[in-house]
N, C-alpha and C. Protein backbone atom coordinates (compact mmCIF):
# COMPACT_ATOMS: atom_id res chain seq x y z
N MET A 1 -21.03 -45.56 2.23
CA MET A 1 -21.35 -44.76 1.61
C MET A 1 -21.75 -43.02 1.43
N ARG A 2 -22.20 -42.30 2.78
CA ARG A 2 -21.67 -41.59 3.32
C ARG A 2 -20.23 -41.03 2.83
N MET A 3 -19.24 -41.55 3.20
CA MET A 3 -17.66 -41.26 2.93
C MET A 3 -17.66 -40.67 1.11
N ILE A 4 -18.04 -41.48 0.71
CA ILE A 4 -17.85 -41.13 -0.97
C ILE A 4 -18.84 -40.34 -1.50
N LEU A 5 -20.05 -40.02 -0.91
CA LEU A 5 -20.45 -38.16 -0.83
C LEU A 5 -19.96 -37.51 -0.43
N ALA A 6 -19.39 -37.08 0.68
CA ALA A 6 -18.76 -36.32 1.27
C ALA A 6 -17.34 -35.79 0.25
N VAL A 7 -16.79 -36.83 -0.07
CA VAL A 7 -15.86 -36.79 -1.11
C VAL A 7 -16.17 -36.27 -2.15
N ALA A 8 -17.02 -36.91 -2.94
CA ALA A 8 -17.97 -36.28 -4.15
C ALA A 8 -18.05 -34.63 -3.63
N ALA A 9 -18.93 -34.05 -2.96
CA ALA A 9 -19.12 -32.98 -2.48
C ALA A 9 -18.21 -31.98 -2.48
N VAL A 10 -17.00 -32.18 -1.77
CA VAL A 10 -15.67 -31.55 -1.73
C VAL A 10 -15.33 -31.33 -3.57
N LEU A 11 -14.99 -32.30 -3.85
CA LEU A 11 -14.61 -32.44 -5.33
C LEU A 11 -15.45 -31.45 -6.23
N TYR A 12 -16.56 -31.64 -6.00
CA TYR A 12 -17.82 -30.82 -6.63
C TYR A 12 -17.45 -29.93 -6.17
N SER A 13 -17.62 -29.02 -4.93
CA SER A 13 -17.15 -27.28 -4.93
C SER A 13 -15.70 -27.04 -5.18
N ALA A 14 -14.81 -28.07 -5.37
CA ALA A 14 -13.66 -27.75 -4.87
C ALA A 14 -13.12 -27.06 -7.04
N SER A 15 -13.84 -27.77 -7.69
CA SER A 15 -14.02 -27.58 -9.13
C SER A 15 -15.03 -26.36 -9.32
N ALA A 16 -16.40 -26.28 -9.18
CA ALA A 16 -16.68 -25.10 -8.76
C ALA A 16 -16.51 -23.94 -8.53
N PHE A 17 -15.27 -23.66 -7.33
CA PHE A 17 -14.79 -22.80 -6.80
C PHE A 17 -13.57 -22.26 -8.08
N ALA A 18 -12.82 -23.21 -8.70
CA ALA A 18 -12.02 -23.19 -9.73
C ALA A 18 -11.82 -22.37 -11.14
N GLN A 19 -13.78 -22.61 -11.26
CA GLN A 19 -14.30 -22.11 -12.28
C GLN A 19 -15.08 -21.02 -12.02
N ALA A 20 -14.70 -20.49 -11.04
CA ALA A 20 -15.72 -18.86 -10.67
C ALA A 20 -15.31 -18.13 -11.72
N ASP A 21 -16.01 -17.13 -12.31
CA ASP A 21 -15.30 -15.88 -12.79
C ASP A 21 -14.85 -14.78 -12.59
N LYS A 22 -14.77 -14.51 -11.08
CA LYS A 22 -14.41 -13.96 -10.03
C LYS A 22 -13.10 -14.56 -8.96
N PRO A 23 -12.15 -13.92 -9.26
CA PRO A 23 -10.92 -14.55 -8.26
C PRO A 23 -11.81 -14.53 -7.02
N PRO A 24 -11.16 -15.14 -6.07
CA PRO A 24 -11.72 -14.86 -4.70
C PRO A 24 -10.62 -13.72 -3.78
N MET A 25 -11.38 -13.07 -3.74
CA MET A 25 -11.13 -11.55 -2.47
C MET A 25 -10.76 -11.59 -1.36
N VAL A 26 -9.94 -10.63 -0.93
CA VAL A 26 -9.44 -10.53 0.34
C VAL A 26 -9.74 -9.00 0.47
N GLY A 27 -10.93 -7.94 0.98
CA GLY A 27 -11.15 -7.07 0.85
C GLY A 27 -11.31 -6.51 -0.46
N ASP A 28 -10.41 -5.55 -1.10
CA ASP A 28 -10.59 -4.97 -2.81
C ASP A 28 -9.84 -5.82 -3.65
N LYS A 29 -9.12 -6.85 -2.93
CA LYS A 29 -7.97 -7.49 -3.85
C LYS A 29 -8.32 -8.60 -3.92
N PRO A 30 -7.81 -9.19 -5.07
CA PRO A 30 -7.82 -10.25 -5.45
C PRO A 30 -6.61 -11.25 -4.16
N LEU A 31 -7.37 -12.91 -4.09
CA LEU A 31 -6.65 -13.30 -2.50
C LEU A 31 -5.12 -13.87 -4.22
N VAL A 32 -5.69 -14.20 -4.94
CA VAL A 32 -3.98 -14.45 -5.62
C VAL A 32 -3.92 -13.87 -6.88
N GLN A 33 -2.60 -13.04 -7.05
CA GLN A 33 -2.53 -12.75 -8.53
C GLN A 33 -1.82 -12.92 -9.24
N VAL A 34 -2.28 -13.70 -10.52
CA VAL A 34 -1.49 -13.73 -11.37
C VAL A 34 -0.89 -13.12 -12.76
N LYS A 35 0.31 -13.21 -13.09
CA LYS A 35 0.35 -12.55 -14.29
C LYS A 35 0.74 -13.40 -15.42
N PRO A 36 0.17 -12.84 -16.53
CA PRO A 36 0.52 -13.68 -17.80
C PRO A 36 1.64 -13.26 -18.01
N LYS A 37 2.42 -14.95 -19.09
CA LYS A 37 4.13 -14.91 -19.24
C LYS A 37 3.85 -13.72 -19.98
N GLY A 38 5.18 -12.99 -19.65
CA GLY A 38 5.87 -12.27 -20.43
C GLY A 38 5.93 -10.99 -20.04
N THR A 39 4.66 -10.92 -18.53
CA THR A 39 4.52 -9.26 -17.80
C THR A 39 5.24 -8.62 -17.48
N LYS A 40 6.50 -9.79 -16.73
CA LYS A 40 7.46 -9.08 -15.58
C LYS A 40 8.37 -8.29 -16.68
N GLU A 41 8.69 -8.57 -17.83
CA GLU A 41 9.53 -7.35 -18.66
C GLU A 41 8.73 -6.37 -18.77
N ALA A 42 7.27 -6.80 -19.38
CA ALA A 42 6.77 -5.32 -19.51
C ALA A 42 6.85 -4.42 -18.44
N ALA A 43 6.41 -5.33 -17.27
CA ALA A 43 6.03 -4.27 -15.95
C ALA A 43 7.08 -3.20 -15.51
N ALA A 44 8.60 -4.21 -15.56
CA ALA A 44 9.86 -3.35 -15.30
C ALA A 44 9.75 -2.15 -16.28
N LYS A 45 9.43 -2.30 -17.79
CA LYS A 45 10.06 -1.73 -18.49
C LYS A 45 8.89 -0.59 -19.31
N PRO A 46 7.48 -0.56 -18.79
CA PRO A 46 6.59 -0.30 -19.13
C PRO A 46 7.03 1.56 -20.03
N ALA A 47 7.79 2.36 -19.50
CA ALA A 47 8.20 3.62 -20.09
C ALA A 47 9.32 3.73 -21.45
N ALA A 48 9.76 2.42 -21.41
CA ALA A 48 10.16 1.91 -23.11
C ALA A 48 9.76 3.12 -24.17
N ALA A 49 10.65 3.57 -24.76
CA ALA A 49 10.64 4.55 -25.42
C ALA A 49 10.02 3.66 -26.89
N PRO A 50 8.76 4.37 -27.30
CA PRO A 50 8.52 3.51 -28.77
C PRO A 50 9.30 3.83 -29.97
N LYS A 51 9.14 2.84 -30.63
CA LYS A 51 9.98 2.87 -32.08
C LYS A 51 9.79 4.01 -33.07
N GLY A 52 10.79 4.50 -33.49
CA GLY A 52 10.12 6.09 -33.78
C GLY A 52 10.98 7.06 -33.24
N LYS A 53 9.68 7.43 -32.68
CA LYS A 53 10.13 8.85 -31.53
C LYS A 53 10.59 8.76 -30.11
N PRO A 54 11.68 9.47 -30.14
CA PRO A 54 12.14 8.73 -28.35
C PRO A 54 11.40 9.71 -27.83
N GLN A 55 10.89 9.26 -26.41
CA GLN A 55 10.28 10.36 -25.72
C GLN A 55 11.22 11.04 -24.81
N SER A 56 10.83 11.92 -23.90
CA SER A 56 11.64 12.49 -23.37
C SER A 56 11.66 12.22 -21.45
N ILE A 57 12.79 12.29 -20.91
CA ILE A 57 12.76 11.73 -19.60
C ILE A 57 11.59 12.31 -19.02
N ALA A 58 11.04 13.19 -18.93
CA ALA A 58 9.93 13.82 -18.53
C ALA A 58 8.83 12.64 -18.38
N ALA A 59 8.36 12.57 -19.86
CA ALA A 59 7.34 12.03 -20.48
C ALA A 59 7.50 10.17 -19.66
N ARG A 60 8.91 9.88 -20.10
CA ARG A 60 9.00 8.81 -19.05
C ARG A 60 8.88 7.89 -17.61
N LEU A 61 9.15 9.24 -16.85
CA LEU A 61 8.72 8.99 -15.61
C LEU A 61 7.36 9.56 -15.04
N GLN A 62 6.93 10.07 -16.21
CA GLN A 62 5.33 9.83 -16.32
C GLN A 62 4.78 8.62 -16.49
N ALA A 63 5.00 8.12 -17.05
CA ALA A 63 4.55 6.66 -17.75
C ALA A 63 4.73 5.45 -16.17
N CYS A 64 5.50 6.13 -15.77
CA CYS A 64 5.66 4.95 -14.78
C CYS A 64 4.90 5.32 -13.75
N LEU A 65 4.11 6.65 -13.43
CA LEU A 65 3.38 6.80 -12.65
C LEU A 65 2.12 5.71 -12.47
N GLU A 66 1.43 5.48 -13.88
CA GLU A 66 0.75 4.25 -14.54
C GLU A 66 0.98 3.07 -13.74
N LEU A 67 2.11 2.42 -13.26
CA LEU A 67 2.66 1.57 -12.16
C LEU A 67 1.48 1.76 -10.83
N ASP A 68 1.25 0.87 -10.44
CA ASP A 68 1.01 1.00 -8.79
C ASP A 68 1.93 1.51 -7.90
N ASP A 69 1.47 2.58 -6.80
CA ASP A 69 2.27 3.24 -6.36
C ASP A 69 2.90 2.32 -5.14
N GLY A 70 4.13 1.77 -4.76
CA GLY A 70 4.84 1.57 -3.44
C GLY A 70 5.53 0.25 -3.82
N THR A 71 5.05 -0.45 -5.42
CA THR A 71 5.87 -1.61 -5.34
C THR A 71 7.07 -1.28 -6.71
N LYS A 72 7.54 -2.71 -6.45
CA LYS A 72 8.89 -2.49 -6.59
C LYS A 72 8.73 -2.65 -8.16
N ASP A 73 7.75 -2.62 -9.29
CA ASP A 73 8.07 -2.58 -10.10
C ASP A 73 7.82 -1.28 -10.73
N ARG A 74 7.53 0.05 -9.95
CA ARG A 74 7.24 1.51 -10.19
C ARG A 74 8.62 2.01 -10.00
N LEU A 75 9.75 0.99 -8.64
CA LEU A 75 11.05 1.92 -8.57
C LEU A 75 11.66 1.12 -9.53
N ASN A 76 11.62 -0.28 -10.27
CA ASN A 76 12.88 -0.63 -11.56
C ASN A 76 11.87 0.20 -12.37
N CYS A 77 10.99 0.54 -12.86
CA CYS A 77 10.91 1.66 -13.78
C CYS A 77 11.19 3.16 -13.97
N TYR A 78 11.66 3.33 -12.88
CA TYR A 78 12.25 4.60 -12.33
C TYR A 78 13.89 4.31 -12.96
N ASP A 79 14.65 3.45 -11.92
CA ASP A 79 15.97 2.87 -11.92
C ASP A 79 15.97 2.43 -13.43
N ALA A 80 15.37 2.52 -14.40
CA ALA A 80 16.04 1.93 -15.69
C ALA A 80 16.01 3.23 -16.81
N ILE A 81 14.92 3.85 -16.24
CA ILE A 81 14.87 5.27 -17.05
C ILE A 81 16.48 6.05 -15.99
N ILE A 82 16.65 6.44 -14.94
CA ILE A 82 17.60 6.70 -14.00
C ILE A 82 18.30 5.99 -12.96
N PRO A 83 19.39 4.91 -13.30
CA PRO A 83 20.10 3.85 -13.29
C PRO A 83 20.90 4.58 -11.48
N PRO A 84 20.15 3.84 -10.58
CA PRO A 84 20.23 4.58 -8.98
C PRO A 84 21.93 4.37 -9.29
N THR A 85 22.80 5.42 -8.70
CA THR A 85 24.25 5.48 -7.60
C THR A 85 24.15 5.79 -6.20
N PRO A 86 23.67 4.87 -5.62
CA PRO A 86 23.41 5.17 -3.91
C PRO A 86 25.45 6.08 -3.57
N LYS A 87 24.80 6.99 -2.55
CA LYS A 87 25.62 7.63 -2.05
C LYS A 87 25.92 7.72 -0.49
N PRO A 88 26.87 7.04 0.38
CA PRO A 88 26.69 7.36 1.97
C PRO A 88 25.78 8.16 2.17
N LYS A 89 26.00 9.49 2.00
CA LYS A 89 24.90 10.49 2.58
C LYS A 89 25.13 11.63 1.97
N PRO A 90 23.97 11.14 0.50
CA PRO A 90 23.75 12.26 -0.36
C PRO A 90 22.72 13.27 0.78
N ALA A 91 23.39 14.41 -0.77
CA ALA A 91 22.54 15.76 -0.23
C ALA A 91 20.39 15.59 -0.66
N LYS A 92 19.87 16.96 -0.01
CA LYS A 92 18.49 16.52 -0.57
C LYS A 92 18.57 16.92 -2.00
N ALA A 93 17.56 16.11 -2.87
CA ALA A 93 17.68 16.48 -3.68
C ALA A 93 16.92 17.59 -4.09
N LYS A 94 17.25 18.08 -5.18
CA LYS A 94 16.91 18.93 -5.47
C LYS A 94 16.25 19.12 -6.92
N GLY A 95 16.16 17.61 -7.74
CA GLY A 95 15.79 17.58 -9.17
C GLY A 95 15.71 15.79 -9.15
N TYR A 96 14.53 15.75 -9.51
CA TYR A 96 14.76 13.72 -10.39
C TYR A 96 15.90 13.27 -10.13
N ALA A 97 17.41 13.86 -11.09
CA ALA A 97 18.06 13.35 -11.33
C ALA A 97 18.94 12.87 -9.92
N ASP A 98 18.67 13.96 -9.13
CA ASP A 98 19.33 13.35 -7.44
C ASP A 98 18.70 12.31 -6.45
N CYS A 99 17.52 12.13 -7.15
CA CYS A 99 16.63 10.48 -6.78
C CYS A 99 17.66 9.96 -6.63
N ARG A 100 18.82 9.27 -7.82
CA ARG A 100 19.89 8.44 -7.68
C ARG A 100 20.48 8.11 -6.56
N PHE A 101 20.75 9.33 -6.09
CA PHE A 101 21.93 8.83 -4.87
C PHE A 101 21.67 8.32 -3.85
N LEU A 102 19.93 8.13 -4.03
CA LEU A 102 19.62 7.69 -2.35
C LEU A 102 19.64 6.32 -2.25
N LYS A 103 20.07 5.98 -1.12
CA LYS A 103 20.40 4.31 -0.67
C LYS A 103 19.13 3.53 -0.53
N GLU A 104 18.26 3.62 0.04
CA GLU A 104 16.81 3.29 0.43
C GLU A 104 16.18 2.81 -0.61
N GLU A 105 15.81 2.05 -1.43
CA GLU A 105 15.00 2.17 -1.93
C GLU A 105 13.19 2.69 -1.65
N ASP A 106 12.69 2.78 -0.45
CA ASP A 106 11.53 3.53 -0.29
C ASP A 106 11.89 4.43 -0.18
N GLU A 107 12.92 5.41 0.06
CA GLU A 107 13.10 6.87 -0.08
C GLU A 107 13.57 7.29 -1.52
N ARG A 108 14.10 6.68 -2.04
CA ARG A 108 14.26 6.67 -3.65
C ARG A 108 12.97 6.63 -4.49
N LEU A 109 11.91 5.81 -3.87
CA LEU A 109 10.48 5.74 -4.83
C LEU A 109 9.68 6.98 -4.89
N ALA A 110 9.92 7.35 -3.09
CA ALA A 110 9.35 8.65 -2.95
C ALA A 110 9.67 9.45 -3.44
N CYS A 111 10.70 10.03 -3.25
CA CYS A 111 11.67 11.20 -3.97
C CYS A 111 11.23 10.81 -6.03
N PHE A 112 11.64 9.77 -6.23
CA PHE A 112 11.02 9.87 -7.69
C PHE A 112 9.58 10.23 -7.83
N ASN A 113 8.96 9.59 -7.00
CA ASN A 113 7.51 10.07 -7.13
C ASN A 113 6.63 10.99 -6.82
N GLY A 114 8.23 11.81 -5.86
CA GLY A 114 7.55 13.21 -5.78
C GLY A 114 7.56 14.21 -7.21
N PHE A 115 8.79 13.89 -7.76
CA PHE A 115 9.40 14.60 -8.54
C PHE A 115 7.91 14.32 -10.12
N ALA A 116 8.07 13.25 -10.07
CA ALA A 116 7.71 12.89 -11.43
C ALA A 116 5.85 13.28 -11.56
N GLU A 117 5.28 13.35 -10.12
CA GLU A 117 4.22 13.87 -9.62
C GLU A 117 3.41 15.24 -10.03
N SER A 118 5.37 16.34 -9.85
CA SER A 118 5.19 17.81 -10.20
C SER A 118 5.37 17.98 -11.77
N ILE A 119 5.99 17.08 -12.43
CA ILE A 119 6.00 17.92 -13.78
C ILE A 119 4.71 17.57 -14.29
N PRO A 120 4.14 18.85 -15.11
CA PRO A 120 3.08 19.39 -15.97
C PRO A 120 3.34 18.30 -16.72
N LYS A 121 1.80 17.77 -17.04
CA LYS A 121 1.36 16.80 -17.79
C LYS A 121 1.80 17.49 -19.96
N LEU A 122 2.27 16.61 -19.73
CA LEU A 122 2.69 17.05 -21.62
C LEU A 122 2.13 16.67 -22.17
N PRO A 123 1.11 17.52 -23.44
CA PRO A 123 0.00 16.95 -24.33
C PRO A 123 0.80 15.74 -25.12
N LYS A 124 0.31 14.71 -25.77
CA LYS A 124 0.42 13.73 -26.52
C LYS A 124 0.40 13.90 -27.81
N SER A 125 1.54 13.86 -28.23
CA SER A 125 1.79 14.23 -29.79
C SER A 125 1.59 12.85 -30.78
């Protein structure tokens, strides 16, 4: 009888845990992050120009800043705008277009972040 009560208690608490509105948290982040279907493509290309009016490179770079910093998604967003062409010993970047020559992903992301954050905010039209 005790075994049945123990199994019922475990199953009941597990189902209650699965039904909770908030996901389990580790610090201030969810324990498991699940993206809905189709989000991977949307996250990789959020800076795509809307149909009709083309966006400038500056506006698309700034749109990448809306993604979480330090993530592969943000780097993919930048790389979709300016495809990388790594060089063995690139010169110091003088503009955002020079960031594509950096081989290391972390350096390329930091380079793009620096230039994208220094672009003056463009008015939405």
